[in-house]
Amino acid sequence: MVRYSAGDVIVRAGGPADKFVLIVEGEAELTQEDGSPPVTLGPGRFYGEMAILRDEPRSGTLSARTDVTLMTLDRDAFRDMVAQSLGTTADFTQLVAARLKALAREPSPAA
């Protein structure tokens, strides 16, 4: 477990995708570079999976909104866990990219 105090930066936008973060206690705030409103993440929420799986820099900055306790997995451990849970050793990044493209082509549900 890793602890951060309110106001601490956990990961920075543009930084390397070197860890997956799961919030155990407290709250973190995610600020995207695109100017969209910040999002509060509480216990059970996670951050960092897409940057790791796509091998891209971080798209947002995650900061401790309150004192927060996190569980983290480094990049390789996270990728290994995902590959094992899928029962595959194929390039998972390509699989995620294909699924995201398929989702983008699906029509939005009617309101």
PDB file of N, CA and C in Angstrom:
ATOM      1  N   MET A   1       0.841  -1.173   0.000  1.00  0.00           N
ATOM      2  CA  MET A   1       0.000   0.000   0.000  1.00  0.00           C
ATOM      3  C   MET A   1       0.892   1.244   0.000  1.00  0.00           C
ATOM      4  N   VAL A   2       0.400   2.258  -0.685  1.00  0.00           N
ATOM      5  CA  VAL A   2       1.116   3.525  -0.777  1.00  0.00           C
ATOM      6  C   VAL A   2       0.174   4.620  -0.296  1.00  0.00           C
ATOM      7  N   ARG A   3       0.702   5.560   0.465  1.00  0.00           N
ATOM      8  CA  ARG A   3      -0.133   6.652   0.984  1.00  0.00           C
ATOM      9  C   ARG A   3       0.367   7.986   0.444  1.00  0.00           C
ATOM     10  N   TYR A   4      -0.598   8.852   0.118  1.00  0.00           N
ATOM     11  CA  TYR A   4      -0.305  10.217  -0.310  1.00  0.00           C
ATOM     12  C   TYR A   4      -1.140  11.164   0.534  1.00  0.00           C
ATOM     13  N   SER A   5      -0.609  12.346   0.773  1.00  0.00           N
ATOM     14  CA  SER A   5      -1.337  13.386   1.507  1.00  0.00           C
ATOM     15  C   SER A   5      -2.143  14.229   0.530  1.00  0.00           C
ATOM     16  N   ALA A   6      -3.213  14.843   1.036  1.00  0.00           N
ATOM     17  CA  ALA A   6      -4.041  15.715   0.206  1.00  0.00           C
ATOM     18  C   ALA A   6      -3.155  16.730  -0.514  1.00  0.00           C
ATOM     19  N   GLY A   7      -3.385  16.869  -1.825  1.00  0.00           N
ATOM     20  CA  GLY A   7      -2.620  17.812  -2.638  1.00  0.00           C
ATOM     21  C   GLY A   7      -1.428  17.208  -3.345  1.00  0.00           C
ATOM     22  N   ASP A   8      -0.973  16.029  -2.917  1.00  0.00           N
ATOM     23  CA  ASP A   8       0.170  15.387  -3.577  1.00  0.00           C
ATOM     24  C   ASP A   8      -0.200  14.943  -4.985  1.00  0.00           C
ATOM     25  N   VAL A   9       0.745  15.069  -5.908  1.00  0.00           N
ATOM     26  CA  VAL A   9       0.561  14.548  -7.263  1.00  0.00           C
ATOM     27  C   VAL A   9       0.991  13.083  -7.259  1.00  0.00           C
ATOM     28  N   ILE A  10       0.102  12.227  -7.763  1.00  0.00           N
ATOM     29  CA  ILE A  10       0.367  10.784  -7.805  1.00  0.00           C
ATOM     30  C   ILE A  10       1.021  10.420  -9.133  1.00  0.00           C
ATOM     31  N   VAL A  11       0.437  10.871 -10.237  1.00  0.00           N
ATOM     32  CA  VAL A  11       1.034  10.726 -11.573  1.00  0.00           C
ATOM     33  C   VAL A  11       0.739  11.999 -12.354  1.00  0.00           C
ATOM     34  N   ARG A  12       1.650  12.360 -13.267  1.00  0.00           N
ATOM     35  CA  ARG A  12       1.501  13.571 -14.071  1.00  0.00           C
ATOM     36  C   ARG A  12       1.172  13.255 -15.520  1.00  0.00           C
ATOM     37  N   ALA A  13       0.341  14.118 -16.104  1.00  0.00           N
ATOM     38  CA  ALA A  13       0.053  14.026 -17.534  1.00  0.00           C
ATOM     39  C   ALA A  13       1.374  14.107 -18.297  1.00  0.00           C
ATOM     40  N   GLY A  14       1.485  13.269 -19.326  1.00  0.00           N
ATOM     41  CA  GLY A  14       2.693  13.240 -20.133  1.00  0.00           C
ATOM     42  C   GLY A  14       3.774  12.337 -19.583  1.00  0.00           C
ATOM     43  N   GLY A  15       3.608  11.903 -18.341  1.00  0.00           N
ATOM     44  CA  GLY A  15       4.596  11.022 -17.725  1.00  0.00           C
ATOM     45  C   GLY A  15       4.478   9.599 -18.240  1.00  0.00           C
ATOM     46  N   PRO A  16       5.431   8.766 -17.890  1.00  0.00           N
ATOM     47  CA  PRO A  16       5.414   7.382 -18.365  1.00  0.00           C
ATOM     48  C   PRO A  16       4.291   6.566 -17.726  1.00  0.00           C
ATOM     49  N   ALA A  17       3.796   5.615 -18.468  1.00  0.00           N
ATOM     50  CA  ALA A  17       2.762   4.697 -17.972  1.00  0.00           C
ATOM     51  C   ALA A  17       3.471   3.572 -17.226  1.00  0.00           C
ATOM     52  N   ASP A  18       3.914   3.878 -16.010  1.00  0.00           N
ATOM     53  CA  ASP A  18       4.740   2.928 -15.279  1.00  0.00           C
ATOM     54  C   ASP A  18       4.040   2.208 -14.143  1.00  0.00           C
ATOM     55  N   LYS A  19       2.764   2.634 -13.844  1.00  0.00           N
ATOM     56  CA  LYS A  19       2.059   1.925 -12.772  1.00  0.00           C
ATOM     57  C   LYS A  19       0.544   2.054 -12.943  1.00  0.00           C
ATOM     58  N   PHE A  20      -0.134   1.030 -12.457  1.00  0.00           N
ATOM     59  CA  PHE A  20      -1.592   0.972 -12.370  1.00  0.00           C
ATOM     60  C   PHE A  20      -1.928   1.332 -10.932  1.00  0.00           C
ATOM     61  N   VAL A  21      -2.969   2.161 -10.750  1.00  0.00           N
ATOM     62  CA  VAL A  21      -3.320   2.669  -9.423  1.00  0.00           C
ATOM     63  C   VAL A  21      -4.748   2.275  -9.075  1.00  0.00           C
ATOM     64  N   LEU A  22      -4.947   1.661  -7.913  1.00  0.00           N
ATOM     65  CA  LEU A  22      -6.265   1.333  -7.389  1.00  0.00           C
ATOM     66  C   LEU A  22      -6.441   2.092  -6.076  1.00  0.00           C
ATOM     67  N   ILE A  23      -7.530   2.865  -5.969  1.00  0.00           N
ATOM     68  CA  ILE A  23      -7.775   3.639  -4.757  1.00  0.00           C
ATOM     69  C   ILE A  23      -8.425   2.742  -3.713  1.00  0.00           C
ATOM     70  N   VAL A  24      -7.787   2.643  -2.555  1.00  0.00           N
ATOM     71  CA  VAL A  24      -8.271   1.811  -1.458  1.00  0.00           C
ATOM     72  C   VAL A  24      -9.070   2.661  -0.467  1.00  0.00           C
ATOM     73  N   GLU A  25      -8.526   3.799  -0.078  1.00  0.00           N
ATOM     74  CA  GLU A  25      -9.188   4.723   0.855  1.00  0.00           C
ATOM     75  C   GLU A  25      -8.918   6.147   0.409  1.00  0.00           C
ATOM     76  N   GLY A  26      -9.885   7.030   0.649  1.00  0.00           N
ATOM     77  CA  GLY A  26      -9.721   8.431   0.316  1.00  0.00           C
ATOM     78  C   GLY A  26     -10.181   8.731  -1.100  1.00  0.00           C
ATOM     79  N   GLU A  27      -9.825   9.917  -1.579  1.00  0.00           N
ATOM     80  CA  GLU A  27     -10.241  10.339  -2.914  1.00  0.00           C
ATOM     81  C   GLU A  27      -9.077  10.962  -3.667  1.00  0.00           C
ATOM     82  N   ALA A  28      -9.073  10.736  -4.976  1.00  0.00           N
ATOM     83  CA  ALA A  28      -8.102  11.350  -5.866  1.00  0.00           C
ATOM     84  C   ALA A  28      -8.869  12.135  -6.922  1.00  0.00           C
ATOM     85  N   GLU A  29      -8.200  13.112  -7.508  1.00  0.00           N
ATOM     86  CA  GLU A  29      -8.829  13.921  -8.547  1.00  0.00           C
ATOM     87  C   GLU A  29      -8.031  13.775  -9.832  1.00  0.00           C
ATOM     88  N   LEU A  30      -8.747  13.461 -10.914  1.00  0.00           N
ATOM     89  CA  LEU A  30      -8.145  13.295 -12.229  1.00  0.00           C
ATOM     90  C   LEU A  30      -8.429  14.531 -13.067  1.00  0.00           C
ATOM     91  N   THR A  31      -7.366  15.182 -13.525  1.00  0.00           N
ATOM     92  CA  THR A  31      -7.475  16.354 -14.377  1.00  0.00           C
ATOM     93  C   THR A  31      -6.891  15.997 -15.734  1.00  0.00           C
ATOM     94  N   GLN A  32      -7.712  16.090 -16.777  1.00  0.00           N
ATOM     95  CA  GLN A  32      -7.276  15.762 -18.135  1.00  0.00           C
ATOM     96  C   GLN A  32      -6.654  16.980 -18.796  1.00  0.00           C
ATOM     97  N   GLU A  33      -5.783  16.750 -19.748  1.00  0.00           N
ATOM     98  CA  GLU A  33      -5.130  17.822 -20.484  1.00  0.00           C
ATOM     99  C   GLU A  33      -6.073  18.518 -21.460  1.00  0.00           C
ATOM    100  N   ASP A  34      -7.199  17.894 -21.778  1.00  0.00           N
ATOM    101  CA  ASP A  34      -8.120  18.463 -22.770  1.00  0.00           C
ATOM    102  C   ASP A  34      -9.020  19.557 -22.207  1.00  0.00           C
ATOM    103  N   GLY A  35      -8.870  19.877 -20.921  1.00  0.00           N
ATOM    104  CA  GLY A  35      -9.659  20.935 -20.317  1.00  0.00           C
ATOM    105  C   GLY A  35     -11.021  20.505 -19.804  1.00  0.00           C
ATOM    106  N   SER A  36     -11.332  19.216 -19.895  1.00  0.00           N
ATOM    107  CA  SER A  36     -12.610  18.735 -19.360  1.00  0.00           C
ATOM    108  C   SER A  36     -12.598  18.870 -17.833  1.00  0.00           C
ATOM    109  N   PRO A  37     -13.793  18.913 -17.221  1.00  0.00           N
ATOM    110  CA  PRO A  37     -13.850  19.087 -15.760  1.00  0.00           C
ATOM    111  C   PRO A  37     -13.144  17.943 -15.030  1.00  0.00           C
ATOM    112  N   PRO A  38     -12.515  18.242 -13.901  1.00  0.00           N
ATOM    113  CA  PRO A  38     -11.868  17.192 -13.112  1.00  0.00           C
ATOM    114  C   PRO A  38     -12.886  16.146 -12.661  1.00  0.00           C
ATOM    115  N   VAL A  39     -12.398  14.934 -12.467  1.00  0.00           N
ATOM    116  CA  VAL A  39     -13.227  13.817 -12.028  1.00  0.00           C
ATOM    117  C   VAL A  39     -12.671  13.318 -10.697  1.00  0.00           C
ATOM    118  N   THR A  40     -13.569  13.095  -9.726  1.00  0.00           N
ATOM    119  CA  THR A  40     -13.163  12.561  -8.431  1.00  0.00           C
ATOM    120  C   THR A  40     -13.284  11.047  -8.460  1.00  0.00           C
ATOM    121  N   LEU A  41     -12.226  10.381  -8.020  1.00  0.00           N
ATOM    122  CA  LEU A  41     -12.189   8.924  -7.952  1.00  0.00           C
ATOM    123  C   LEU A  41     -12.083   8.505  -6.496  1.00  0.00           C
ATOM    124  N   GLY A  42     -12.973   7.612  -6.075  1.00  0.00           N
ATOM    125  CA  GLY A  42     -12.972   7.134  -4.697  1.00  0.00           C
ATOM    126  C   GLY A  42     -12.582   5.674  -4.613  1.00  0.00           C
ATOM    127  N   PRO A  43     -12.756   5.065  -3.441  1.00  0.00           N
ATOM    128  CA  PRO A  43     -12.382   3.674  -3.236  1.00  0.00           C
ATOM    129  C   PRO A  43     -12.983   2.743  -4.293  1.00  0.00           C
ATOM    130  N   GLY A  44     -12.128   1.845  -4.782  1.00  0.00           N
ATOM    131  CA  GLY A  44     -12.547   0.894  -5.800  1.00  0.00           C
ATOM    132  C   GLY A  44     -12.319   1.373  -7.223  1.00  0.00           C
ATOM    133  N   ARG A  45     -12.087   2.659  -7.396  1.00  0.00           N
ATOM    134  CA  ARG A  45     -11.826   3.194  -8.739  1.00  0.00           C
ATOM    135  C   ARG A  45     -10.339   3.055  -9.045  1.00  0.00           C
ATOM    136  N   PHE A  46     -10.013   3.028 -10.311  1.00  0.00           N
ATOM    137  CA  PHE A  46      -8.617   2.830 -10.698  1.00  0.00           C
ATOM    138  C   PHE A  46      -8.236   3.751 -11.839  1.00  0.00           C
ATOM    139  N   TYR A  47      -6.940   3.844 -12.079  1.00  0.00           N
ATOM    140  CA  TYR A  47      -6.401   4.725 -13.111  1.00  0.00           C
ATOM    141  C   TYR A  47      -5.106   4.140 -13.646  1.00  0.00           C
ATOM    142  N   GLY A  48      -4.903   4.315 -14.939  1.00  0.00           N
ATOM    143  CA  GLY A  48      -3.624   3.973 -15.539  1.00  0.00           C
ATOM    144  C   GLY A  48      -3.620   2.792 -16.475  1.00  0.00           C
ATOM    145  N   GLU A  49      -4.715   2.042 -16.532  1.00  0.00           N
ATOM    146  CA  GLU A  49      -4.716   0.822 -17.340  1.00  0.00           C
ATOM    147  C   GLU A  49      -4.567   1.097 -18.832  1.00  0.00           C
ATOM    148  N   MET A  50      -5.244   2.117 -19.346  1.00  0.00           N
ATOM    149  CA  MET A  50      -5.199   2.353 -20.791  1.00  0.00           C
ATOM    150  C   MET A  50      -3.823   2.841 -21.237  1.00  0.00           C
ATOM    151  N   ALA A  51      -3.188   3.687 -20.484  1.00  0.00           N
ATOM    152  CA  ALA A  51      -1.848   4.150 -20.847  1.00  0.00           C
ATOM    153  C   ALA A  51      -0.867   2.977 -20.869  1.00  0.00           C
ATOM    154  N   ILE A  52      -0.999   2.076 -19.902  1.00  0.00           N
ATOM    155  CA  ILE A  52      -0.126   0.907 -19.869  1.00  0.00           C
ATOM    156  C   ILE A  52      -0.405  -0.001 -21.061  1.00  0.00           C
ATOM    157  N   LEU A  53      -1.671  -0.299 -21.293  1.00  0.00           N
ATOM    158  CA  LEU A  53      -2.018  -1.238 -22.348  1.00  0.00           C
ATOM    159  C   LEU A  53      -1.737  -0.685 -23.743  1.00  0.00           C
ATOM    160  N   ARG A  54      -1.839   0.622 -23.892  1.00  0.00           N
ATOM    161  CA  ARG A  54      -1.582   1.248 -25.193  1.00  0.00           C
ATOM    162  C   ARG A  54      -0.146   1.718 -25.335  1.00  0.00           C
ATOM    163  N   ASP A  55       0.632   1.601 -24.271  1.00  0.00           N
ATOM    164  CA  ASP A  55       2.029   2.023 -24.270  1.00  0.00           C
ATOM    165  C   ASP A  55       2.159   3.494 -24.653  1.00  0.00           C
ATOM    166  N   GLU A  56       1.357   4.330 -23.995  1.00  0.00           N
ATOM    167  CA  GLU A  56       1.320   5.762 -24.265  1.00  0.00           C
ATOM    168  C   GLU A  56       1.587   6.530 -22.979  1.00  0.00           C
ATOM    169  N   PRO A  57       2.013   7.779 -23.093  1.00  0.00           N
ATOM    170  CA  PRO A  57       2.178   8.607 -21.894  1.00  0.00           C
ATOM    171  C   PRO A  57       0.835   8.845 -21.212  1.00  0.00           C
ATOM    172  N   ARG A  58       0.873   9.245 -19.966  1.00  0.00           N
ATOM    173  CA  ARG A  58      -0.343   9.549 -19.206  1.00  0.00           C
ATOM    174  C   ARG A  58      -1.133  10.663 -19.883  1.00  0.00           C
ATOM    175  N   SER A  59      -2.450  10.521 -19.904  1.00  0.00           N
ATOM    176  CA  SER A  59      -3.309  11.540 -20.520  1.00  0.00           C
ATOM    177  C   SER A  59      -3.814  12.548 -19.498  1.00  0.00           C
ATOM    178  N   GLY A  60      -3.607  12.279 -18.220  1.00  0.00           N
ATOM    179  CA  GLY A  60      -4.097  13.183 -17.187  1.00  0.00           C
ATOM    180  C   GLY A  60      -3.209  13.151 -15.960  1.00  0.00           C
ATOM    181  N   THR A  61      -3.469  14.105 -15.076  1.00  0.00           N
ATOM    182  CA  THR A  61      -2.745  14.179 -13.807  1.00  0.00           C
ATOM    183  C   THR A  61      -3.676  13.699 -12.700  1.00  0.00           C
ATOM    184  N   LEU A  62      -3.186  12.780 -11.895  1.00  0.00           N
ATOM    185  CA  LEU A  62      -3.937  12.251 -10.767  1.00  0.00           C
ATOM    186  C   LEU A  62      -3.315  12.793  -9.492  1.00  0.00           C
ATOM    187  N   SER A  63      -4.127  13.498  -8.696  1.00  0.00           N
ATOM    188  CA  SER A  63      -3.663  14.093  -7.447  1.00  0.00           C
ATOM    189  C   SER A  63      -4.525  13.600  -6.294  1.00  0.00           C
ATOM    190  N   ALA A  64      -3.946  13.576  -5.106  1.00  0.00           N
ATOM    191  CA  ALA A  64      -4.694  13.201  -3.908  1.00  0.00           C
ATOM    192  C   ALA A  64      -5.617  14.361  -3.540  1.00  0.00           C
ATOM    193  N   ARG A  65      -6.916  14.116  -3.554  1.00  0.00           N
ATOM    194  CA  ARG A  65      -7.897  15.135  -3.153  1.00  0.00           C
ATOM    195  C   ARG A  65      -7.981  15.195  -1.627  1.00  0.00           C
ATOM    196  N   THR A  66      -7.906  14.027  -1.012  1.00  0.00           N
ATOM    197  CA  THR A  66      -7.829  13.874   0.437  1.00  0.00           C
ATOM    198  C   THR A  66      -6.605  13.001   0.705  1.00  0.00           C
ATOM    199  N   ASP A  67      -6.299  12.746   1.957  1.00  0.00           N
ATOM    200  CA  ASP A  67      -5.287  11.723   2.219  1.00  0.00           C
ATOM    201  C   ASP A  67      -5.811  10.449   1.573  1.00  0.00           C
ATOM    202  N   VAL A  68      -4.947   9.742   0.878  1.00  0.00           N
ATOM    203  CA  VAL A  68      -5.403   8.597   0.089  1.00  0.00           C
ATOM    204  C   VAL A  68      -4.435   7.429   0.252  1.00  0.00           C
ATOM    205  N   THR A  69      -5.015   6.225   0.263  1.00  0.00           N
ATOM    206  CA  THR A  69      -4.231   4.991   0.290  1.00  0.00           C
ATOM    207  C   THR A  69      -4.471   4.276  -1.028  1.00  0.00           C
ATOM    208  N   LEU A  70      -3.393   3.885  -1.683  1.00  0.00           N
ATOM    209  CA  LEU A  70      -3.469   3.247  -2.995  1.00  0.00           C
ATOM    210  C   LEU A  70      -2.788   1.888  -2.984  1.00  0.00           C
ATOM    211  N   MET A  71      -3.265   1.032  -3.848  1.00  0.00           N
ATOM    212  CA  MET A  71      -2.535  -0.177  -4.192  1.00  0.00           C
ATOM    213  C   MET A  71      -2.018   0.072  -5.600  1.00  0.00           C
ATOM    214  N   THR A  72      -0.761  -0.199  -5.839  1.00  0.00           N
ATOM    215  CA  THR A  72      -0.212   0.008  -7.173  1.00  0.00           C
ATOM    216  C   THR A  72       0.435  -1.275  -7.685  1.00  0.00           C
ATOM    217  N   LEU A  73       0.412  -1.400  -8.995  1.00  0.00           N
ATOM    218  CA  LEU A  73       1.129  -2.483  -9.665  1.00  0.00           C
ATOM    219  C   LEU A  73       2.011  -1.833 -10.712  1.00  0.00           C
ATOM    220  N   ASP A  74       3.260  -2.251 -10.790  1.00  0.00           N
ATOM    221  CA  ASP A  74       4.097  -1.680 -11.841  1.00  0.00           C
ATOM    222  C   ASP A  74       3.620  -2.189 -13.203  1.00  0.00           C
ATOM    223  N   ARG A  75       4.054  -1.521 -14.232  1.00  0.00           N
ATOM    224  CA  ARG A  75       3.598  -1.773 -15.606  1.00  0.00           C
ATOM    225  C   ARG A  75       3.659  -3.252 -15.985  1.00  0.00           C
ATOM    226  N   ASP A  76       4.810  -3.870 -15.785  1.00  0.00           N
ATOM    227  CA  ASP A  76       4.979  -5.268 -16.207  1.00  0.00           C
ATOM    228  C   ASP A  76       4.092  -6.214 -15.412  1.00  0.00           C
ATOM    229  N   ALA A  77       3.975  -6.000 -14.097  1.00  0.00           N
ATOM    230  CA  ALA A  77       3.111  -6.856 -13.279  1.00  0.00           C
ATOM    231  C   ALA A  77       1.656  -6.721 -13.719  1.00  0.00           C
ATOM    232  N   PHE A  78       1.228  -5.488 -14.034  1.00  0.00           N
ATOM    233  CA  PHE A  78      -0.145  -5.286 -14.486  1.00  0.00           C
ATOM    234  C   PHE A  78      -0.388  -5.998 -15.816  1.00  0.00           C
ATOM    235  N   ARG A  79       0.509  -5.826 -16.770  1.00  0.00           N
ATOM    236  CA  ARG A  79       0.342  -6.482 -18.083  1.00  0.00           C
ATOM    237  C   ARG A  79       0.334  -8.002 -17.938  1.00  0.00           C
ATOM    238  N   ASP A  80       1.200  -8.534 -17.084  1.00  0.00           N
ATOM    239  CA  ASP A  80       1.228  -9.984 -16.848  1.00  0.00           C
ATOM    240  C   ASP A  80      -0.095 -10.459 -16.252  1.00  0.00           C
ATOM    241  N   MET A  81      -0.613  -9.715 -15.284  1.00  0.00           N
ATOM    242  CA  MET A  81      -1.880 -10.089 -14.643  1.00  0.00           C
ATOM    243  C   MET A  81      -3.007 -10.107 -15.669  1.00  0.00           C
ATOM    244  N   VAL A  82      -3.073  -9.092 -16.522  1.00  0.00           N
ATOM    245  CA  VAL A  82      -4.120  -9.026 -17.533  1.00  0.00           C
ATOM    246  C   VAL A  82      -3.976 -10.175 -18.526  1.00  0.00           C
ATOM    247  N   ALA A  83      -2.771 -10.429 -18.983  1.00  0.00           N
ATOM    248  CA  ALA A  83      -2.543 -11.511 -19.935  1.00  0.00           C
ATOM    249  C   ALA A  83      -2.931 -12.858 -19.337  1.00  0.00           C
ATOM    250  N   GLN A  84      -2.588 -13.088 -18.078  1.00  0.00           N
ATOM    251  CA  GLN A  84      -2.924 -14.350 -17.431  1.00  0.00           C
ATOM    252  C   GLN A  84      -4.427 -14.487 -17.235  1.00  0.00           C
ATOM    253  N   SER A  85      -5.080 -13.388 -16.903  1.00  0.00           N
ATOM    254  CA  SER A  85      -6.527 -13.472 -16.679  1.00  0.00           C
ATOM    255  C   SER A  85      -7.267 -13.728 -17.977  1.00  0.00           C
ATOM    256  N   LEU A  86      -6.676 -13.346 -19.101  1.00  0.00           N
ATOM    257  CA  LEU A  86      -7.286 -13.614 -20.404  1.00  0.00           C
ATOM    258  C   LEU A  86      -6.869 -14.971 -20.950  1.00  0.00           C
ATOM    259  N   GLY A  87      -5.872 -15.583 -20.320  1.00  0.00           N
ATOM    260  CA  GLY A  87      -5.388 -16.863 -20.805  1.00  0.00           C
ATOM    261  C   GLY A  87      -4.685 -16.722 -22.139  1.00  0.00           C
ATOM    262  N   THR A  88      -4.048 -15.587 -22.358  1.00  0.00           N
ATOM    263  CA  THR A  88      -3.380 -15.355 -23.635  1.00  0.00           C
ATOM    264  C   THR A  88      -2.056 -14.642 -23.408  1.00  0.00           C
ATOM    265  N   THR A  89      -1.153 -14.813 -24.339  1.00  0.00           N
ATOM    266  CA  THR A  89       0.098 -14.067 -24.310  1.00  0.00           C
ATOM    267  C   THR A  89       0.211 -13.189 -25.550  1.00  0.00           C
ATOM    268  N   ALA A  90      -0.864 -13.071 -26.311  1.00  0.00           N
ATOM    269  CA  ALA A  90      -0.852 -12.219 -27.504  1.00  0.00           C
ATOM    270  C   ALA A  90      -0.638 -10.772 -27.102  1.00  0.00           C
ATOM    271  N   ASP A  91      -0.318  -9.953 -28.072  1.00  0.00           N
ATOM    272  CA  ASP A  91      -0.104  -8.527 -27.799  1.00  0.00           C
ATOM    273  C   ASP A  91      -1.417  -7.893 -27.388  1.00  0.00           C
ATOM    274  N   PHE A  92      -1.556  -7.654 -26.098  1.00  0.00           N
ATOM    275  CA  PHE A  92      -2.817  -7.153 -25.550  1.00  0.00           C
ATOM    276  C   PHE A  92      -3.115  -5.737 -26.032  1.00  0.00           C
ATOM    277  N   THR A  93      -2.097  -4.970 -26.310  1.00  0.00           N
ATOM    278  CA  THR A  93      -2.300  -3.615 -26.796  1.00  0.00           C
ATOM    279  C   THR A  93      -3.099  -3.616 -28.084  1.00  0.00           C
ATOM    280  N   GLN A  94      -2.803  -4.527 -28.987  1.00  0.00           N
ATOM    281  CA  GLN A  94      -3.542  -4.609 -30.248  1.00  0.00           C
ATOM    282  C   GLN A  94      -4.994  -5.006 -30.002  1.00  0.00           C
ATOM    283  N   LEU A  95      -5.233  -5.891 -29.076  1.00  0.00           N
ATOM    284  CA  LEU A  95      -6.587  -6.313 -28.744  1.00  0.00           C
ATOM    285  C   LEU A  95      -7.400  -5.143 -28.193  1.00  0.00           C
ATOM    286  N   VAL A  96      -6.815  -4.384 -27.290  1.00  0.00           N
ATOM    287  CA  VAL A  96      -7.516  -3.230 -26.727  1.00  0.00           C
ATOM    288  C   VAL A  96      -7.814  -2.209 -27.816  1.00  0.00           C
ATOM    289  N   ALA A  97      -6.854  -1.932 -28.675  1.00  0.00           N
ATOM    290  CA  ALA A  97      -7.062  -0.958 -29.748  1.00  0.00           C
ATOM    291  C   ALA A  97      -8.202  -1.400 -30.662  1.00  0.00           C
ATOM    292  N   ALA A  98      -8.257  -2.686 -30.996  1.00  0.00           N
ATOM    293  CA  ALA A  98      -9.337  -3.195 -31.854  1.00  0.00           C
ATOM    294  C   ALA A  98     -10.688  -3.054 -31.176  1.00  0.00           C
ATOM    295  N   ARG A  99     -10.747  -3.324 -29.893  1.00  0.00           N
ATOM    296  CA  ARG A  99     -12.022  -3.195 -29.172  1.00  0.00           C
ATOM    297  C   ARG A  99     -12.465  -1.741 -29.071  1.00  0.00           C
ATOM    298  N   LEU A 100     -11.525  -0.841 -28.858  1.00  0.00           N
ATOM    299  CA  LEU A 100     -11.874   0.573 -28.784  1.00  0.00           C
ATOM    300  C   LEU A 100     -12.396   1.079 -30.130  1.00  0.00           C
ATOM    301  N   LYS A 101     -11.796   0.636 -31.220  1.00  0.00           N
ATOM    302  CA  LYS A 101     -12.279   1.016 -32.551  1.00  0.00           C
ATOM    303  C   LYS A 101     -13.692   0.495 -32.770  1.00  0.00           C
ATOM    304  N   ALA A 102     -13.952  -0.736 -32.347  1.00  0.00           N
ATOM    305  CA  ALA A 102     -15.288  -1.316 -32.500  1.00  0.00           C
ATOM    306  C   ALA A 102     -16.316  -0.538 -31.690  1.00  0.00           C
ATOM    307  N   LEU A 103     -15.952  -0.143 -30.480  1.00  0.00           N
ATOM    308  CA  LEU A 103     -16.868   0.643 -29.650  1.00  0.00           C
ATOM    309  C   LEU A 103     -17.153   2.002 -30.279  1.00  0.00           C
ATOM    310  N   ALA A 104     -16.146   2.601 -30.884  1.00  0.00           N
ATOM    311  CA  ALA A 104     -16.330   3.911 -31.507  1.00  0.00           C
ATOM    312  C   ALA A 104     -17.288   3.839 -32.685  1.00  0.00           C
ATOM    313  N   ARG A 105     -17.376   2.695 -33.328  1.00  0.00           N
ATOM    314  CA  ARG A 105     -18.284   2.540 -34.485  1.00  0.00           C
ATOM    315  C   ARG A 105     -19.709   2.250 -34.073  1.00  0.00           C
ATOM    316  N   GLU A 106     -19.927   1.812 -32.822  1.00  0.00           N
ATOM    317  CA  GLU A 106     -21.290   1.492 -32.369  1.00  0.00           C
ATOM    318  C   GLU A 106     -22.086   2.773 -32.179  1.00  0.00           C
ATOM    319  N   PRO A 107     -23.376   2.742 -32.564  1.00  0.00           N
ATOM    320  CA  PRO A 107     -24.212   3.923 -32.350  1.00  0.00           C
ATOM    321  C   PRO A 107     -24.446   4.149 -30.856  1.00  0.00           C
ATOM    322  N   SER A 108     -24.590   5.420 -30.478  1.00  0.00           N
ATOM    323  CA  SER A 108     -24.875   5.763 -29.086  1.00  0.00           C
ATOM    324  C   SER A 108     -26.276   5.315 -28.732  1.00  0.00           C
ATOM    325  N   PRO A 109     -26.499   4.856 -27.482  1.00  0.00           N
ATOM    326  CA  PRO A 109     -27.836   4.444 -27.075  1.00  0.00           C
ATOM    327  C   PRO A 109     -28.772   5.662 -27.092  1.00  0.00           C
ATOM    328  N   ALA A 110     -30.031   5.414 -27.412  1.00  0.00           N
ATOM    329  CA  ALA A 110     -31.027   6.503 -27.439  1.00  0.00           C
ATOM    330  C   ALA A 110     -31.277   7.007 -26.025  1.00  0.00           C
ATOM    331  N   ALA A 111     -31.461   8.300 -25.913  1.00  0.00           N
ATOM    332  CA  ALA A 111     -31.677   8.894 -24.586  1.00  0.00           C
ATOM    333  C   ALA A 111     -33.107   8.705 -24.141  1.00  0.00           C
TER     334      ALA A 111
END
